[in-house]
């Protein structure tokens, strides 16, 4: 069975964009792949975190993973920091990544362009750690949004470099970008990705939002003056974003079918349909969340996930360090 790996940073509450772009796909894919899903709590500390809030976000993150349908019997679910090999191979990868490659990474360039101050070394070497995350488990595929595809391409370059230079046997991973819902945009600024770092709350729907609050956000979503439900991300980004959401929550309904369904109807009718569908999804997820929280099974799930992940990761790390001459083997 082919392997697949991905993770989500617990830097804030999980939102609808995370669900459609990642979690929902994981649930479907876990039936066909050996799935490794981790909570990327090393990646999240590249920016300042309030310890109390981070702790709550970690807990909510794992509960929502499970509430959205990830099955610990099918997927290996674990905390990144419960597997120390991530950080160790991450440094090895950083030591084999050229400065020019890191300088070209979009995430770092965007933060520089915005004039952000106090950027950390963690932000800069984030892609090298992500490469380690992937390569530790021999992942064949990495489901990512289109904005993360660049990082998987760097991982491929690093894997090939290490294989050629040291004789490592890293699997060369492939990015898997969903055809629909790969990048859900802000409801208030449809040219910008829905993000935990959004200014204000009206543009983002959290999975733990009250359904009535989510409905209000959708009904006030920015659209246009065309007054036609038509998929055109360039000229009608707002309505196209709502169509992405609607399609993703309706088994990837084709955009042409959505256009036919709402032909001759106004944006108000379409927004109501989107709001109804989102509300039903949130109600289901939140009911699962409360049930799993009451069962108190999270600690055991993470413990079992870490046990399996450590076994595989440590074997890979040991092989890499031997190939690089980093270990001393004593004669018995």
Protein backbone atom coordinates (compact mmCIF):
# COMPACT_ATOMS: atom_id res chain seq x y z
CA UNK A 1 0.00 0.00 0.00
CA UNK A 2 1.32 3.46 -0.93
CA UNK A 3 2.11 5.87 1.91
CA UNK A 4 0.72 9.36 2.39
CA UNK A 5 1.64 12.00 4.98
CA UNK A 6 0.48 15.45 5.97
CA UNK A 7 -0.10 17.64 8.99
CA UNK A 8 -1.71 20.83 10.22
CA UNK A 9 -0.13 23.57 12.34
CA UNK A 10 -2.10 24.23 15.54
CA UNK A 11 -1.41 27.97 15.39
CA UNK A 12 -5.09 28.78 15.76
CA UNK A 13 -8.52 27.23 15.49
CA UNK A 14 -9.03 24.87 12.56
CA UNK A 15 -11.21 26.49 9.94
CA UNK A 16 -13.32 25.53 6.94
CA UNK A 17 -10.38 26.02 4.56
CA UNK A 18 -8.32 23.47 6.53
CA UNK A 19 -11.24 21.07 6.50
CA UNK A 20 -11.98 21.29 2.77
CA UNK A 21 -8.36 21.56 1.64
CA UNK A 22 -6.93 18.90 3.93
CA UNK A 23 -8.92 17.07 6.60
CA UNK A 24 -11.86 16.07 4.41
CA UNK A 25 -9.48 14.60 1.87
CA UNK A 26 -7.52 12.71 4.55
CA UNK A 27 -10.72 10.97 5.62
CA UNK A 28 -11.36 9.76 2.07
CA UNK A 29 -7.75 8.83 1.37
CA UNK A 30 -7.16 6.82 4.56
CA UNK A 31 -9.07 3.94 2.98
CA UNK A 32 -6.66 3.70 0.06
CA UNK A 33 -3.29 4.66 1.54
CA UNK A 34 -1.18 4.00 4.62
CA UNK A 35 -1.85 7.40 6.15
CA UNK A 36 0.38 9.35 8.55
CA UNK A 37 -1.24 12.49 9.95
CA UNK A 38 0.58 14.62 12.50
CA UNK A 39 -0.03 17.82 14.44
CA UNK A 40 2.86 20.08 13.44
CA UNK A 41 3.60 21.68 16.78
CA UNK A 42 7.26 22.29 15.88
CA UNK A 43 6.29 24.28 12.79
CA UNK A 44 3.86 26.42 14.76
CA UNK A 45 6.50 27.83 17.15
CA UNK A 46 8.30 29.58 14.27
CA UNK A 47 6.08 32.50 15.31
CA UNK A 48 5.37 33.55 18.94
CA UNK A 49 2.72 31.47 20.73
CA UNK A 50 0.90 31.95 24.00
CA UNK A 51 1.55 28.64 25.83
CA UNK A 52 -1.98 28.39 27.24
CA UNK A 53 -3.62 29.07 23.88
CA UNK A 54 -1.24 26.70 22.08
CA UNK A 55 -2.06 23.92 24.55
CA UNK A 56 -5.80 24.39 23.92
CA UNK A 57 -5.27 24.50 20.15
CA UNK A 58 -3.31 21.23 20.28
CA UNK A 59 -6.14 19.56 22.13
CA UNK A 60 -8.80 20.95 19.80
CA UNK A 61 -6.73 19.97 16.78
CA UNK A 62 -6.57 16.28 17.65
CA UNK A 63 -10.23 16.22 18.67
CA UNK A 64 -11.22 17.80 15.36
CA UNK A 65 -9.02 15.39 13.40
CA UNK A 66 -11.04 12.59 14.93
CA UNK A 67 -14.36 14.42 14.73
CA UNK A 68 -13.90 14.97 11.00
CA UNK A 69 -13.55 11.23 10.48
CA UNK A 70 -9.90 10.26 10.81
CA UNK A 71 -9.83 6.71 12.13
CA UNK A 72 -6.84 5.75 14.34
CA UNK A 73 -7.31 2.16 13.13
CA UNK A 74 -6.60 3.32 9.58
CA UNK A 75 -4.34 6.35 10.12
CA UNK A 76 -1.29 6.91 12.32
CA UNK A 77 -2.08 10.11 14.24
CA UNK A 78 0.58 11.73 16.40
CA UNK A 79 2.19 14.89 17.75
CA UNK A 80 5.32 15.98 15.86
CA UNK A 81 7.26 16.56 19.08
CA UNK A 82 6.50 13.02 20.26
CA UNK A 83 8.85 11.85 17.48
CA UNK A 84 12.28 13.52 18.10
CA UNK A 85 13.60 12.26 14.76
CA UNK A 86 11.66 15.06 13.03
CA UNK A 87 13.89 17.74 14.57
CA UNK A 88 17.08 15.70 14.15
CA UNK A 89 16.55 14.92 10.47
CA UNK A 90 15.29 18.49 10.06
CA UNK A 91 18.73 19.83 11.01
CA UNK A 92 20.41 17.36 8.66
CA UNK A 93 18.12 18.54 5.86
CA UNK A 94 18.80 22.20 6.67
CA UNK A 95 22.52 21.44 6.44
CA UNK A 96 21.99 20.14 2.91
CA UNK A 97 19.70 22.92 1.72
CA UNK A 98 21.26 25.84 -0.14
CA UNK A 99 20.57 29.40 1.01
CA UNK A 100 19.36 30.27 -2.48
CA UNK A 101 16.68 27.59 -2.23
CA UNK A 102 15.42 28.90 1.09
CA UNK A 103 15.50 32.48 -0.20
CA UNK A 104 13.13 31.47 -3.00
CA UNK A 105 10.51 29.96 -0.69
CA UNK A 106 7.28 31.91 -1.07
CA UNK A 107 6.31 31.87 2.60
CA UNK A 108 9.54 33.57 3.68
CA UNK A 109 9.52 35.99 0.73
CA UNK A 110 5.95 37.05 1.45
CA UNK A 111 6.72 37.83 5.08
CA UNK A 112 9.78 39.84 4.06
CA UNK A 113 7.79 41.73 1.42
CA UNK A 114 5.18 42.68 4.03
CA UNK A 115 7.96 44.20 6.13
CA UNK A 116 7.37 41.85 9.05
CA UNK A 117 9.93 42.27 11.80
CA UNK A 118 11.44 39.72 14.17
CA UNK A 119 11.40 36.92 11.60
CA UNK A 120 12.98 33.83 13.14
CA UNK A 121 15.42 31.24 11.87
CA UNK A 122 12.59 28.74 12.23
CA UNK A 123 10.55 30.55 9.57
CA UNK A 124 13.57 30.46 7.26
CA UNK A 125 14.33 26.74 7.71
CA UNK A 126 10.67 25.67 7.87
CA UNK A 127 10.88 23.99 4.42
CA UNK A 128 13.85 21.85 5.48
CA UNK A 129 11.94 20.58 8.51
CA UNK A 130 8.92 19.89 6.30
CA UNK A 131 11.20 17.84 4.04
CA UNK A 132 12.27 15.79 7.07
CA UNK A 133 8.63 15.29 8.09
CA UNK A 134 7.88 13.75 4.70
CA UNK A 135 11.06 11.75 4.12
CA UNK A 136 11.09 10.05 7.54
CA UNK A 137 8.15 7.86 6.56
CA UNK A 138 8.90 7.20 2.89
CA UNK A 139 5.73 9.01 1.86
CA UNK A 140 4.75 8.48 -1.77
CA UNK A 141 2.24 11.32 -1.74
CA UNK A 142 1.73 14.53 0.22
CA UNK A 143 -1.74 16.13 0.00
CA UNK A 144 -1.21 19.89 0.03
CA UNK A 145 -2.88 23.12 -1.00
CA UNK A 146 -1.41 24.78 -4.07
CA UNK A 147 0.46 27.28 -1.85
CA UNK A 148 2.43 24.42 -0.23
CA UNK A 149 3.34 22.61 -3.46
CA UNK A 150 6.64 24.51 -3.63
CA UNK A 151 7.74 22.93 -0.34
CA UNK A 152 7.11 19.43 -1.65
CA UNK A 153 9.14 20.27 -4.76
CA UNK A 154 12.05 21.29 -2.51
CA UNK A 155 11.62 18.01 -0.61
CA UNK A 156 11.97 16.13 -3.90
CA UNK A 157 15.16 18.06 -4.72
CA UNK A 158 16.63 17.34 -1.29
CA UNK A 159 15.74 13.65 -1.47
CA UNK A 160 17.42 13.30 -4.86
CA UNK A 161 20.46 15.26 -3.62
CA UNK A 162 20.86 13.05 -0.54
CA UNK A 163 20.34 9.88 -2.55
CA UNK A 164 23.00 10.90 -5.06
CA UNK A 165 25.48 12.39 -2.58
CA UNK A 166 25.31 9.84 0.23
CA UNK A 167 23.56 6.83 -1.24
CA UNK A 168 20.41 7.34 0.84
CA UNK A 169 17.27 5.59 -0.33
CA UNK A 170 14.70 8.33 0.20
CA UNK A 171 11.38 7.83 -1.56
CA UNK A 172 10.75 10.76 -3.95
CA UNK A 173 7.33 12.12 -2.91
CA UNK A 174 4.65 13.54 -5.18
CA UNK A 175 2.41 16.48 -4.19
CA UNK A 176 -1.30 15.76 -4.38
CA UNK A 177 -3.36 18.92 -4.87
CA UNK A 178 -7.15 18.41 -4.78
CA UNK A 179 -8.93 19.51 -7.96
CA UNK A 180 -11.67 21.26 -6.00
CA UNK A 181 -11.26 23.17 -2.75
CA UNK A 182 -7.45 23.22 -2.81
CA UNK A 183 -7.49 26.84 -1.71
CA UNK A 184 -10.53 28.28 0.03
CA UNK A 185 -10.39 32.05 0.15
CA UNK A 186 -11.46 34.63 2.72
CA UNK A 187 -15.17 35.44 2.66
CA UNK A 188 -14.36 39.15 2.95
CA UNK A 189 -11.31 39.26 0.67
CA UNK A 190 -11.66 36.49 -1.95
CA UNK A 191 -8.26 37.32 -3.41
CA UNK A 192 -6.66 36.19 -0.15
CA UNK A 193 -6.54 32.67 1.27
CA UNK A 194 -8.78 31.90 4.27
CA UNK A 195 -6.26 32.01 7.07
CA UNK A 196 -6.00 31.82 10.84
CA UNK A 197 -4.01 35.05 10.66
CA UNK A 198 -6.84 36.98 8.97
CA UNK A 199 -7.57 40.43 10.31
CA UNK A 200 -11.04 40.24 11.78
CA UNK A 201 -13.32 37.22 12.02
CA UNK A 202 -15.91 37.79 9.28
CA UNK A 203 -13.79 36.27 6.53
CA UNK A 204 -13.13 32.95 8.24
CA UNK A 205 -15.37 30.11 9.43
CA UNK A 206 -14.00 28.00 12.26
CA UNK A 207 -15.09 24.38 12.67
CA UNK A 208 -16.16 25.20 16.23
CA UNK A 209 -18.17 28.29 15.21
CA UNK A 210 -21.81 28.25 16.19
CA UNK A 211 -23.65 27.30 12.94
CA UNK A 212 -25.74 30.48 13.27
CA UNK A 213 -22.53 32.55 13.31
CA UNK A 214 -21.19 30.69 10.28
CA UNK A 215 -24.45 31.30 8.44
CA UNK A 216 -24.20 35.03 9.10
CA UNK A 217 -20.63 35.12 7.79
CA UNK A 218 -21.65 33.40 4.56
CA UNK A 219 -24.67 35.65 4.02
CA UNK A 220 -22.39 38.70 4.35
CA UNK A 221 -19.66 37.27 2.08
CA UNK A 222 -18.28 39.62 -0.57
CA UNK A 223 -19.54 38.88 -4.10
CA UNK A 224 -19.91 41.23 -7.13
CA UNK A 225 -22.38 43.15 -9.28
CA UNK A 226 -22.69 40.51 -12.03
CA UNK A 227 -25.56 38.82 -10.16
CA UNK A 228 -24.96 35.46 -11.87
CA UNK A 229 -23.80 32.22 -10.23
CA UNK A 230 -20.88 31.53 -12.54
CA UNK A 231 -17.46 30.02 -11.86
CA UNK A 232 -14.86 32.62 -12.85
CA UNK A 233 -12.16 32.99 -10.16
CA UNK A 234 -10.49 35.87 -12.02
CA UNK A 235 -13.52 38.11 -12.61
CA UNK A 236 -15.93 36.76 -9.96
CA UNK A 237 -13.65 35.61 -7.12
CA UNK A 238 -16.22 35.93 -4.34
CA UNK A 239 -18.99 33.87 -5.90
CA UNK A 240 -16.40 31.40 -7.27
CA UNK A 241 -15.07 30.87 -3.74
CA UNK A 242 -18.57 30.13 -2.45
CA UNK A 243 -19.01 27.71 -5.35
CA UNK A 244 -15.78 25.96 -4.32
CA UNK A 245 -17.13 25.55 -0.79
CA UNK A 246 -20.52 24.32 -2.02
CA UNK A 247 -18.96 21.88 -4.49
CA UNK A 248 -16.52 20.47 -1.93
CA UNK A 249 -19.29 19.77 0.59
CA UNK A 250 -21.48 18.19 -2.10
CA UNK A 251 -19.15 15.40 -3.23
CA UNK A 252 -17.22 17.73 -5.57
CA UNK A 253 -20.29 18.65 -7.60
CA UNK A 254 -19.14 19.99 -11.00
CA UNK A 255 -19.24 23.77 -11.33
CA UNK A 256 -21.37 23.56 -14.50
CA UNK A 257 -24.00 21.62 -12.55
CA UNK A 258 -24.01 24.26 -9.80
CA UNK A 259 -24.44 26.96 -12.45
CA UNK A 260 -27.45 25.08 -13.89
CA UNK A 261 -28.92 24.49 -10.43
CA UNK A 262 -28.92 28.22 -9.65
CA UNK A 263 -29.58 29.56 -13.13
CA UNK A 264 -31.86 32.58 -12.91
CA UNK A 265 -31.53 32.77 -9.13
CA UNK A 266 -29.91 35.58 -7.14
CA UNK A 267 -26.87 35.53 -4.90
CA UNK A 268 -29.11 35.52 -1.84
CA UNK A 269 -30.59 32.15 -2.83
CA UNK A 270 -27.15 30.71 -3.51
CA UNK A 271 -25.67 32.04 -0.27
CA UNK A 272 -28.55 30.48 1.65
CA UNK A 273 -27.85 27.10 0.02
CA UNK A 274 -24.15 27.39 0.87
CA UNK A 275 -24.99 28.41 4.44
CA UNK A 276 -27.36 25.45 4.84
CA UNK A 277 -24.71 23.01 3.63
CA UNK A 278 -21.95 24.49 5.82
CA UNK A 279 -24.23 24.53 8.88
CA UNK A 280 -25.08 20.83 8.47
CA UNK A 281 -21.37 19.99 8.20
CA UNK A 282 -20.49 21.99 11.32
CA UNK A 283 -23.31 20.42 13.31
CA UNK A 284 -22.05 16.93 12.42
CA UNK A 285 -18.42 17.74 13.26
CA UNK A 286 -19.29 19.43 16.55
CA UNK A 287 -21.49 16.54 17.66
CA UNK A 288 -18.59 14.15 16.98
CA UNK A 289 -16.19 16.48 18.80
CA UNK A 290 -18.30 16.46 21.98
CA UNK A 291 -18.73 12.67 21.86
CA UNK A 292 -15.00 11.97 21.41
CA UNK A 293 -14.08 14.49 24.11
CA UNK A 294 -16.41 12.71 26.54
CA UNK A 295 -14.88 9.32 25.69
CA UNK A 296 -11.43 10.51 26.83
CA UNK A 297 -9.54 8.43 24.26
CA UNK A 298 -7.20 11.10 22.86
CA UNK A 299 -4.17 10.37 25.04
CA UNK A 300 -4.16 6.67 24.13
CA UNK A 301 -4.57 7.43 20.41
CA UNK A 302 -1.58 9.80 20.46
CA UNK A 303 0.48 7.32 22.46
CA UNK A 304 -0.17 4.52 19.97
CA UNK A 305 0.45 6.82 17.01
CA UNK A 306 3.76 8.01 18.44
CA UNK A 307 4.86 4.42 19.08
CA UNK A 308 4.39 3.44 15.43
CA UNK A 309 5.78 6.71 14.09
CA UNK A 310 8.91 6.50 16.26
CA UNK A 311 9.61 2.96 15.10
CA UNK A 312 9.60 3.96 11.43
CA UNK A 313 11.23 7.38 11.86
CA UNK A 314 14.11 6.10 13.98
CA UNK A 315 14.93 3.37 11.45
CA UNK A 316 15.08 5.96 8.67
CA UNK A 317 17.15 8.39 10.72
CA UNK A 318 19.63 5.67 11.66
CA UNK A 319 20.08 4.68 8.01
CA UNK A 320 20.68 8.29 6.95
CA UNK A 321 23.22 8.96 9.69
CA UNK A 322 25.12 5.78 8.83
CA UNK A 323 25.24 6.72 5.15
CA UNK A 324 26.58 10.16 6.09
CA UNK A 325 29.26 8.73 8.39
CA UNK A 326 27.74 10.30 11.48
CA UNK A 327 27.75 7.18 13.63
CA UNK A 328 30.48 5.09 15.24
CA UNK A 329 30.07 1.34 14.96
CA UNK A 330 32.06 -0.62 17.51
CA UNK A 331 33.10 -4.19 16.93
CA UNK A 332 31.41 -6.63 19.26
